[in-house]
Amino acid sequence: MYNTHRDLVDALAASPDTFTALMEDVDDALARRARGGDEGWSVVEVLCHVRDAEGRTVERAEAMRDTDDPSLAAYDQDAWAVERDYAGDDPDTALAAFMAYRAQLVGDLRALPAGAWDRAGHHAEAGRITIENLVLHDVSHDAQHLGQIARALRDARSAG
């Protein structure tokens, strides 16, 4: 029998291993040279993006868990990339921070009672979202950026 909430949390828990495997044997130069996706970001910039997005996901999930109908601020990912100097960041540090945020989120979600998945907030751009919506988006976000990193590394390696 399917348990959607358990399946979503299991998917979130598995992603750090996939990010780690993709980054195995990737030196700093390759992580900066390999680019792709709509943003044209390097692998380093993508890792910084997923780190910061995960931090925001933790904040949003906690706000919805602890507060009735909280306001959930949007953010400008392109502005963050410049303001936070994604291009100059360290890929290993960014990945480690992402993994810490993810461990926190997974722990929080595993502790949620079943009815709490329907707790909601009001997102500045998306409108009303629930914890379940947020987590489903996070799983999708992982898949998109894991694919982006894999393609960028493949293309950079084949270009020599």
N, C-alpha and C. Protein backbone atom coordinates (compact mmCIF):
# COMPACT_ATOMS: atom_id res chain seq x y z
N MET A 1 0.83 -1.18 0.00
CA MET A 1 0.00 0.00 0.00
C MET A 1 0.88 1.25 0.00
N TYR A 2 0.49 2.24 -0.76
CA TYR A 2 1.25 3.48 -0.85
C TYR A 2 1.04 4.35 0.38
N ASN A 3 2.11 4.98 0.81
CA ASN A 3 2.04 5.99 1.85
C ASN A 3 2.75 7.21 1.28
N THR A 4 1.97 8.13 0.73
CA THR A 4 2.53 9.27 0.00
C THR A 4 3.49 10.08 0.85
N HIS A 5 3.14 10.35 2.08
CA HIS A 5 4.00 11.17 2.92
C HIS A 5 5.33 10.47 3.19
N ARG A 6 5.28 9.19 3.51
CA ARG A 6 6.52 8.43 3.72
C ARG A 6 7.35 8.40 2.44
N ASP A 7 6.70 8.20 1.30
CA ASP A 7 7.42 8.15 0.03
C ASP A 7 8.11 9.48 -0.28
N LEU A 8 7.42 10.59 0.00
CA LEU A 8 8.02 11.91 -0.24
C LEU A 8 9.23 12.12 0.67
N VAL A 9 9.11 11.76 1.93
CA VAL A 9 10.22 11.93 2.86
C VAL A 9 11.37 11.01 2.47
N ASP A 10 11.07 9.80 2.06
CA ASP A 10 12.13 8.88 1.61
C ASP A 10 12.87 9.44 0.40
N ALA A 11 12.13 10.06 -0.52
CA ALA A 11 12.76 10.67 -1.70
C ALA A 11 13.68 11.82 -1.28
N LEU A 12 13.20 12.65 -0.34
CA LEU A 12 14.05 13.75 0.15
C LEU A 12 15.29 13.21 0.84
N ALA A 13 15.14 12.15 1.61
CA ALA A 13 16.26 11.57 2.34
C ALA A 13 17.30 10.96 1.40
N ALA A 14 16.87 10.50 0.23
CA ALA A 14 17.77 9.86 -0.72
C ALA A 14 18.59 10.85 -1.54
N SER A 15 18.08 12.04 -1.75
CA SER A 15 18.75 12.99 -2.65
C SER A 15 20.18 13.36 -2.26
N PRO A 16 20.49 13.56 -0.99
CA PRO A 16 21.89 13.90 -0.67
C PRO A 16 22.89 12.87 -1.17
N ASP A 17 22.53 11.59 -1.14
CA ASP A 17 23.44 10.57 -1.67
C ASP A 17 23.64 10.74 -3.17
N THR A 18 22.60 11.13 -3.87
CA THR A 18 22.70 11.32 -5.32
C THR A 18 23.55 12.55 -5.63
N PHE A 19 23.33 13.65 -4.91
CA PHE A 19 24.19 14.82 -5.10
C PHE A 19 25.64 14.46 -4.83
N THR A 20 25.90 13.73 -3.75
CA THR A 20 27.26 13.34 -3.39
C THR A 20 27.89 12.48 -4.48
N ALA A 21 27.14 11.52 -4.99
CA ALA A 21 27.66 10.64 -6.05
C ALA A 21 27.98 11.43 -7.32
N LEU A 22 27.12 12.38 -7.67
CA LEU A 22 27.39 13.20 -8.85
C LEU A 22 28.67 14.02 -8.69
N MET A 23 28.93 14.46 -7.46
CA MET A 23 30.09 15.32 -7.22
C MET A 23 31.38 14.55 -6.96
N GLU A 24 31.28 13.23 -6.90
CA GLU A 24 32.48 12.41 -6.70
C GLU A 24 33.45 12.63 -7.86
N ASP A 25 34.68 12.87 -7.56
CA ASP A 25 35.73 13.10 -8.56
C ASP A 25 35.53 14.38 -9.37
N VAL A 26 34.74 15.32 -8.87
CA VAL A 26 34.57 16.62 -9.53
C VAL A 26 35.46 17.61 -8.79
N ASP A 27 36.49 18.07 -9.48
CA ASP A 27 37.36 19.05 -8.84
C ASP A 27 36.76 20.45 -8.96
N ASP A 28 37.38 21.40 -8.28
CA ASP A 28 36.86 22.77 -8.23
C ASP A 28 36.76 23.37 -9.64
N ALA A 29 37.76 23.14 -10.46
CA ALA A 29 37.76 23.72 -11.82
C ALA A 29 36.59 23.20 -12.64
N LEU A 30 36.34 21.90 -12.58
CA LEU A 30 35.22 21.33 -13.33
C LEU A 30 33.88 21.84 -12.78
N ALA A 31 33.77 21.94 -11.47
CA ALA A 31 32.52 22.43 -10.87
C ALA A 31 32.22 23.87 -11.28
N ARG A 32 33.24 24.62 -11.60
CA ARG A 32 33.04 26.01 -12.04
C ARG A 32 32.85 26.11 -13.55
N ARG A 33 33.47 25.19 -14.29
CA ARG A 33 33.40 25.22 -15.75
C ARG A 33 32.09 24.61 -16.29
N ALA A 34 31.61 23.58 -15.62
CA ALA A 34 30.40 22.87 -16.08
C ALA A 34 29.18 23.75 -15.84
N ARG A 35 28.48 24.09 -16.92
CA ARG A 35 27.32 24.99 -16.84
C ARG A 35 26.15 24.40 -17.59
N GLY A 36 24.96 24.88 -17.22
CA GLY A 36 23.78 24.43 -17.95
C GLY A 36 22.50 24.93 -17.33
N GLY A 37 21.40 24.47 -17.88
CA GLY A 37 20.09 24.85 -17.38
C GLY A 37 19.66 26.21 -17.89
N ASP A 38 18.46 26.58 -17.55
CA ASP A 38 17.90 27.85 -18.00
C ASP A 38 18.72 29.05 -17.52
N GLU A 39 19.31 28.91 -16.34
CA GLU A 39 20.06 30.02 -15.75
C GLU A 39 21.48 30.10 -16.29
N GLY A 40 21.97 29.01 -16.87
CA GLY A 40 23.36 28.96 -17.31
C GLY A 40 24.34 28.90 -16.14
N TRP A 41 23.84 28.43 -14.99
CA TRP A 41 24.67 28.38 -13.79
C TRP A 41 25.70 27.26 -13.87
N SER A 42 26.83 27.50 -13.19
CA SER A 42 27.82 26.45 -13.01
C SER A 42 27.30 25.47 -11.96
N VAL A 43 27.96 24.33 -11.86
CA VAL A 43 27.59 23.35 -10.85
C VAL A 43 27.71 23.96 -9.45
N VAL A 44 28.73 24.77 -9.22
CA VAL A 44 28.88 25.44 -7.92
C VAL A 44 27.66 26.30 -7.64
N GLU A 45 27.22 27.07 -8.62
CA GLU A 45 26.07 27.95 -8.43
C GLU A 45 24.79 27.15 -8.18
N VAL A 46 24.64 26.01 -8.85
CA VAL A 46 23.47 25.16 -8.62
C VAL A 46 23.49 24.63 -7.19
N LEU A 47 24.65 24.19 -6.72
CA LEU A 47 24.74 23.69 -5.35
C LEU A 47 24.40 24.78 -4.34
N CYS A 48 24.85 25.99 -4.59
CA CYS A 48 24.51 27.11 -3.70
C CYS A 48 23.01 27.39 -3.73
N HIS A 49 22.44 27.31 -4.92
CA HIS A 49 20.99 27.52 -5.06
C HIS A 49 20.20 26.48 -4.28
N VAL A 50 20.54 25.19 -4.44
CA VAL A 50 19.78 24.18 -3.72
C VAL A 50 19.98 24.31 -2.21
N ARG A 51 21.17 24.71 -1.79
CA ARG A 51 21.42 24.96 -0.37
C ARG A 51 20.48 26.04 0.16
N ASP A 52 20.44 27.18 -0.52
CA ASP A 52 19.63 28.30 -0.04
C ASP A 52 18.14 28.02 -0.17
N ALA A 53 17.74 27.34 -1.24
CA ALA A 53 16.34 26.97 -1.39
C ALA A 53 15.92 26.00 -0.29
N GLU A 54 16.81 25.10 0.08
CA GLU A 54 16.50 24.15 1.15
C GLU A 54 16.37 24.84 2.50
N GLY A 55 17.23 25.82 2.73
CA GLY A 55 17.10 26.61 3.95
C GLY A 55 15.75 27.30 4.02
N ARG A 56 15.30 27.84 2.90
CA ARG A 56 13.99 28.49 2.86
C ARG A 56 12.87 27.46 3.03
N THR A 57 13.04 26.27 2.48
CA THR A 57 12.04 25.22 2.65
C THR A 57 11.88 24.84 4.12
N VAL A 58 13.00 24.71 4.82
CA VAL A 58 12.95 24.40 6.25
C VAL A 58 12.17 25.50 6.99
N GLU A 59 12.49 26.75 6.69
CA GLU A 59 11.79 27.88 7.33
C GLU A 59 10.29 27.82 7.06
N ARG A 60 9.92 27.57 5.82
CA ARG A 60 8.50 27.54 5.45
C ARG A 60 7.77 26.38 6.12
N ALA A 61 8.39 25.21 6.12
CA ALA A 61 7.76 24.04 6.74
C ALA A 61 7.55 24.28 8.24
N GLU A 62 8.55 24.85 8.89
CA GLU A 62 8.42 25.13 10.32
C GLU A 62 7.35 26.18 10.58
N ALA A 63 7.28 27.20 9.73
CA ALA A 63 6.26 28.24 9.90
C ALA A 63 4.86 27.65 9.76
N MET A 64 4.66 26.79 8.77
CA MET A 64 3.34 26.19 8.58
C MET A 64 3.01 25.21 9.70
N ARG A 65 4.00 24.52 10.19
CA ARG A 65 3.78 23.58 11.28
C ARG A 65 3.41 24.32 12.58
N ASP A 66 4.06 25.45 12.82
CA ASP A 66 3.97 26.12 14.13
C ASP A 66 3.00 27.30 14.18
N THR A 67 2.55 27.80 13.02
CA THR A 67 1.73 29.01 12.97
C THR A 67 0.53 28.77 12.06
N ASP A 68 -0.59 29.30 12.45
CA ASP A 68 -1.77 29.20 11.60
C ASP A 68 -1.67 30.18 10.44
N ASP A 69 -1.72 29.65 9.22
CA ASP A 69 -1.73 30.43 7.98
C ASP A 69 -0.66 31.53 7.92
N PRO A 70 0.62 31.15 8.07
CA PRO A 70 1.67 32.17 8.01
C PRO A 70 1.85 32.72 6.60
N SER A 71 2.40 33.91 6.52
CA SER A 71 2.82 34.48 5.24
C SER A 71 4.20 33.90 4.92
N LEU A 72 4.36 33.44 3.69
CA LEU A 72 5.61 32.82 3.25
C LEU A 72 6.22 33.69 2.15
N ALA A 73 7.30 34.34 2.46
CA ALA A 73 7.93 35.26 1.52
C ALA A 73 8.51 34.53 0.32
N ALA A 74 8.46 35.19 -0.82
CA ALA A 74 9.13 34.70 -2.02
C ALA A 74 10.59 35.16 -1.95
N TYR A 75 11.39 34.69 -2.88
CA TYR A 75 12.76 35.18 -2.98
C TYR A 75 13.14 35.22 -4.46
N ASP A 76 14.13 36.03 -4.76
CA ASP A 76 14.62 36.18 -6.13
C ASP A 76 15.91 35.38 -6.25
N GLN A 77 15.82 34.22 -6.89
CA GLN A 77 16.98 33.34 -6.96
C GLN A 77 18.15 33.99 -7.70
N ASP A 78 17.86 34.79 -8.71
CA ASP A 78 18.95 35.44 -9.45
C ASP A 78 19.64 36.50 -8.59
N ALA A 79 18.86 37.24 -7.80
CA ALA A 79 19.45 38.23 -6.90
C ALA A 79 20.29 37.54 -5.83
N TRP A 80 19.78 36.43 -5.30
CA TRP A 80 20.56 35.69 -4.29
C TRP A 80 21.89 35.22 -4.88
N ALA A 81 21.86 34.76 -6.13
CA ALA A 81 23.09 34.26 -6.75
C ALA A 81 24.17 35.34 -6.79
N VAL A 82 23.76 36.58 -7.05
CA VAL A 82 24.71 37.70 -7.09
C VAL A 82 25.07 38.14 -5.67
N GLU A 83 24.04 38.42 -4.86
CA GLU A 83 24.26 38.93 -3.50
C GLU A 83 25.09 37.98 -2.66
N ARG A 84 24.89 36.70 -2.82
CA ARG A 84 25.55 35.70 -1.99
C ARG A 84 26.79 35.11 -2.67
N ASP A 85 27.15 35.67 -3.82
CA ASP A 85 28.35 35.29 -4.57
C ASP A 85 28.44 33.77 -4.79
N TYR A 86 27.38 33.22 -5.38
CA TYR A 86 27.38 31.79 -5.66
C TYR A 86 28.61 31.37 -6.48
N ALA A 87 28.98 32.18 -7.46
CA ALA A 87 30.08 31.82 -8.35
C ALA A 87 31.40 31.68 -7.59
N GLY A 88 31.56 32.42 -6.50
CA GLY A 88 32.80 32.37 -5.74
C GLY A 88 32.77 31.42 -4.55
N ASP A 89 31.66 30.73 -4.35
CA ASP A 89 31.51 29.86 -3.18
C ASP A 89 32.25 28.54 -3.38
N ASP A 90 32.34 27.78 -2.32
CA ASP A 90 33.01 26.48 -2.35
C ASP A 90 31.97 25.38 -2.53
N PRO A 91 32.12 24.52 -3.54
CA PRO A 91 31.10 23.49 -3.79
C PRO A 91 30.92 22.51 -2.62
N ASP A 92 32.01 22.12 -1.99
CA ASP A 92 31.91 21.17 -0.88
C ASP A 92 31.18 21.78 0.31
N THR A 93 31.46 23.04 0.58
CA THR A 93 30.79 23.74 1.69
C THR A 93 29.30 23.90 1.40
N ALA A 94 28.98 24.25 0.16
CA ALA A 94 27.57 24.41 -0.22
C ALA A 94 26.83 23.08 -0.10
N LEU A 95 27.45 22.01 -0.57
CA LEU A 95 26.81 20.69 -0.50
C LEU A 95 26.62 20.26 0.96
N ALA A 96 27.61 20.50 1.80
CA ALA A 96 27.50 20.13 3.21
C ALA A 96 26.37 20.91 3.89
N ALA A 97 26.23 22.17 3.57
CA ALA A 97 25.15 22.98 4.16
C ALA A 97 23.79 22.50 3.67
N PHE A 98 23.69 22.18 2.38
CA PHE A 98 22.45 21.61 1.85
C PHE A 98 22.09 20.34 2.63
N MET A 99 23.07 19.48 2.83
CA MET A 99 22.81 18.21 3.50
C MET A 99 22.36 18.43 4.95
N ALA A 100 22.89 19.43 5.62
CA ALA A 100 22.46 19.74 6.98
C ALA A 100 21.02 20.23 7.00
N TYR A 101 20.68 21.13 6.07
CA TYR A 101 19.29 21.57 5.97
C TYR A 101 18.36 20.40 5.67
N ARG A 102 18.80 19.53 4.75
CA ARG A 102 17.95 18.41 4.36
C ARG A 102 17.74 17.46 5.53
N ALA A 103 18.78 17.19 6.30
CA ALA A 103 18.63 16.31 7.46
C ALA A 103 17.63 16.91 8.45
N GLN A 104 17.70 18.22 8.64
CA GLN A 104 16.75 18.89 9.54
C GLN A 104 15.32 18.74 9.02
N LEU A 105 15.13 18.98 7.72
CA LEU A 105 13.79 18.87 7.13
C LEU A 105 13.25 17.46 7.25
N VAL A 106 14.06 16.48 6.92
CA VAL A 106 13.61 15.08 6.98
C VAL A 106 13.23 14.72 8.41
N GLY A 107 14.02 15.11 9.38
CA GLY A 107 13.69 14.85 10.77
C GLY A 107 12.39 15.51 11.18
N ASP A 108 12.22 16.78 10.78
CA ASP A 108 10.98 17.49 11.09
C ASP A 108 9.77 16.80 10.46
N LEU A 109 9.91 16.38 9.21
CA LEU A 109 8.79 15.75 8.51
C LEU A 109 8.45 14.38 9.08
N ARG A 110 9.46 13.63 9.48
CA ARG A 110 9.20 12.31 10.06
C ARG A 110 8.48 12.42 11.39
N ALA A 111 8.65 13.56 12.07
CA ALA A 111 8.00 13.77 13.36
C ALA A 111 6.59 14.36 13.23
N LEU A 112 6.20 14.75 12.01
CA LEU A 112 4.86 15.35 11.83
C LEU A 112 3.76 14.33 12.02
N PRO A 113 2.72 14.69 12.76
CA PRO A 113 1.53 13.82 12.75
C PRO A 113 0.87 13.89 11.38
N ALA A 114 0.16 12.85 11.01
CA ALA A 114 -0.43 12.76 9.66
C ALA A 114 -1.26 13.99 9.30
N GLY A 115 -2.06 14.50 10.19
CA GLY A 115 -2.92 15.65 9.88
C GLY A 115 -2.16 16.94 9.65
N ALA A 116 -0.93 17.01 10.11
CA ALA A 116 -0.15 18.25 9.96
C ALA A 116 0.29 18.50 8.53
N TRP A 117 0.28 17.49 7.69
CA TRP A 117 0.68 17.67 6.30
C TRP A 117 -0.27 18.62 5.57
N ASP A 118 -1.47 18.80 6.09
CA ASP A 118 -2.45 19.71 5.49
C ASP A 118 -2.35 21.13 6.03
N ARG A 119 -1.47 21.37 6.98
CA ARG A 119 -1.31 22.73 7.50
C ARG A 119 -0.80 23.61 6.37
N ALA A 120 -1.30 24.84 6.32
CA ALA A 120 -1.04 25.69 5.15
C ALA A 120 -0.51 27.06 5.54
N GLY A 121 0.04 27.69 4.53
CA GLY A 121 0.46 29.07 4.63
C GLY A 121 0.14 29.76 3.32
N HIS A 122 0.37 31.05 3.29
CA HIS A 122 0.11 31.82 2.08
C HIS A 122 1.44 32.29 1.49
N HIS A 123 1.79 31.67 0.36
CA HIS A 123 3.03 31.99 -0.36
C HIS A 123 2.80 33.25 -1.19
N ALA A 124 3.76 34.16 -1.15
CA ALA A 124 3.62 35.45 -1.82
C ALA A 124 3.36 35.32 -3.32
N GLU A 125 3.86 34.27 -3.96
CA GLU A 125 3.66 34.09 -5.41
C GLU A 125 2.69 32.98 -5.74
N ALA A 126 2.73 31.90 -4.98
CA ALA A 126 1.95 30.71 -5.32
C ALA A 126 0.58 30.66 -4.64
N GLY A 127 0.34 31.55 -3.70
CA GLY A 127 -0.93 31.52 -2.97
C GLY A 127 -0.89 30.49 -1.85
N ARG A 128 -2.04 29.89 -1.57
CA ARG A 128 -2.13 28.94 -0.47
C ARG A 128 -1.39 27.65 -0.82
N ILE A 129 -0.47 27.24 0.06
CA ILE A 129 0.22 25.97 -0.09
C ILE A 129 0.19 25.24 1.25
N THR A 130 0.25 23.92 1.17
CA THR A 130 0.32 23.09 2.36
C THR A 130 1.74 22.56 2.53
N ILE A 131 1.99 21.97 3.67
CA ILE A 131 3.29 21.30 3.87
C ILE A 131 3.47 20.23 2.80
N GLU A 132 2.42 19.49 2.50
CA GLU A 132 2.51 18.46 1.47
C GLU A 132 2.90 19.08 0.11
N ASN A 133 2.28 20.20 -0.27
CA ASN A 133 2.64 20.89 -1.52
C ASN A 133 4.11 21.27 -1.52
N LEU A 134 4.56 21.84 -0.40
CA LEU A 134 5.94 22.29 -0.27
C LEU A 134 6.92 21.13 -0.45
N VAL A 135 6.61 20.00 0.18
CA VAL A 135 7.51 18.85 0.10
C VAL A 135 7.50 18.25 -1.30
N LEU A 136 6.35 18.16 -1.92
CA LEU A 136 6.28 17.67 -3.29
C LEU A 136 7.11 18.55 -4.22
N HIS A 137 7.01 19.87 -4.03
CA HIS A 137 7.83 20.79 -4.82
C HIS A 137 9.32 20.54 -4.57
N ASP A 138 9.69 20.30 -3.33
CA ASP A 138 11.10 20.07 -2.99
C ASP A 138 11.64 18.82 -3.67
N VAL A 139 10.84 17.76 -3.70
CA VAL A 139 11.25 16.53 -4.38
C VAL A 139 11.47 16.82 -5.87
N SER A 140 10.55 17.54 -6.48
CA SER A 140 10.68 17.91 -7.89
C SER A 140 11.90 18.80 -8.12
N HIS A 141 12.11 19.74 -7.22
CA HIS A 141 13.26 20.65 -7.31
C HIS A 141 14.57 19.86 -7.30
N ASP A 142 14.67 18.88 -6.43
CA ASP A 142 15.86 18.02 -6.40
C ASP A 142 16.07 17.35 -7.76
N ALA A 143 15.02 16.73 -8.27
CA ALA A 143 15.14 15.99 -9.54
C ALA A 143 15.59 16.90 -10.67
N GLN A 144 15.03 18.10 -10.73
CA GLN A 144 15.40 19.03 -11.79
C GLN A 144 16.87 19.42 -11.70
N HIS A 145 17.34 19.73 -10.49
CA HIS A 145 18.72 20.18 -10.36
C HIS A 145 19.72 19.04 -10.39
N LEU A 146 19.33 17.85 -9.97
CA LEU A 146 20.22 16.71 -10.15
C LEU A 146 20.44 16.45 -11.64
N GLY A 147 19.37 16.51 -12.42
CA GLY A 147 19.51 16.36 -13.87
C GLY A 147 20.36 17.46 -14.48
N GLN A 148 20.16 18.69 -14.02
CA GLN A 148 20.94 19.83 -14.52
C GLN A 148 22.43 19.62 -14.25
N ILE A 149 22.77 19.20 -13.04
CA ILE A 149 24.18 18.95 -12.70
C ILE A 149 24.73 17.81 -13.55
N ALA A 150 23.99 16.72 -13.68
CA ALA A 150 24.46 15.57 -14.46
C ALA A 150 24.73 15.97 -15.91
N ARG A 151 23.82 16.72 -16.52
CA ARG A 151 24.01 17.15 -17.91
C ARG A 151 25.20 18.11 -18.04
N ALA A 152 25.32 19.04 -17.11
CA ALA A 152 26.42 20.01 -17.18
C ALA A 152 27.76 19.30 -17.05
N LEU A 153 27.88 18.37 -16.13
CA LEU A 153 29.13 17.63 -15.97
C LEU A 153 29.43 16.77 -17.19
N ARG A 154 28.41 16.10 -17.72
CA ARG A 154 28.60 15.28 -18.93
C ARG A 154 29.10 16.13 -20.07
N ASP A 155 28.45 17.28 -20.30
CA ASP A 155 28.82 18.15 -21.41
C ASP A 155 30.22 18.73 -21.23
N ALA A 156 30.55 19.13 -20.01
CA ALA A 156 31.87 19.70 -19.75
C ALA A 156 32.97 18.66 -19.92
N ARG A 157 32.70 17.44 -19.49
CA ARG A 157 33.71 16.37 -19.64
C ARG A 157 33.89 15.99 -21.10
N SER A 158 32.81 15.97 -21.85
CA SER A 158 32.94 15.59 -23.26
C SER A 158 33.59 16.70 -24.09
N ALA A 159 33.46 17.95 -23.62
CA ALA A 159 34.10 19.07 -24.32
C ALA A 159 35.60 19.13 -24.02
N GLY A 160 35.99 18.42 -22.95
CA GLY A 160 37.39 18.34 -22.55
C GLY A 160 37.80 19.54 -21.86
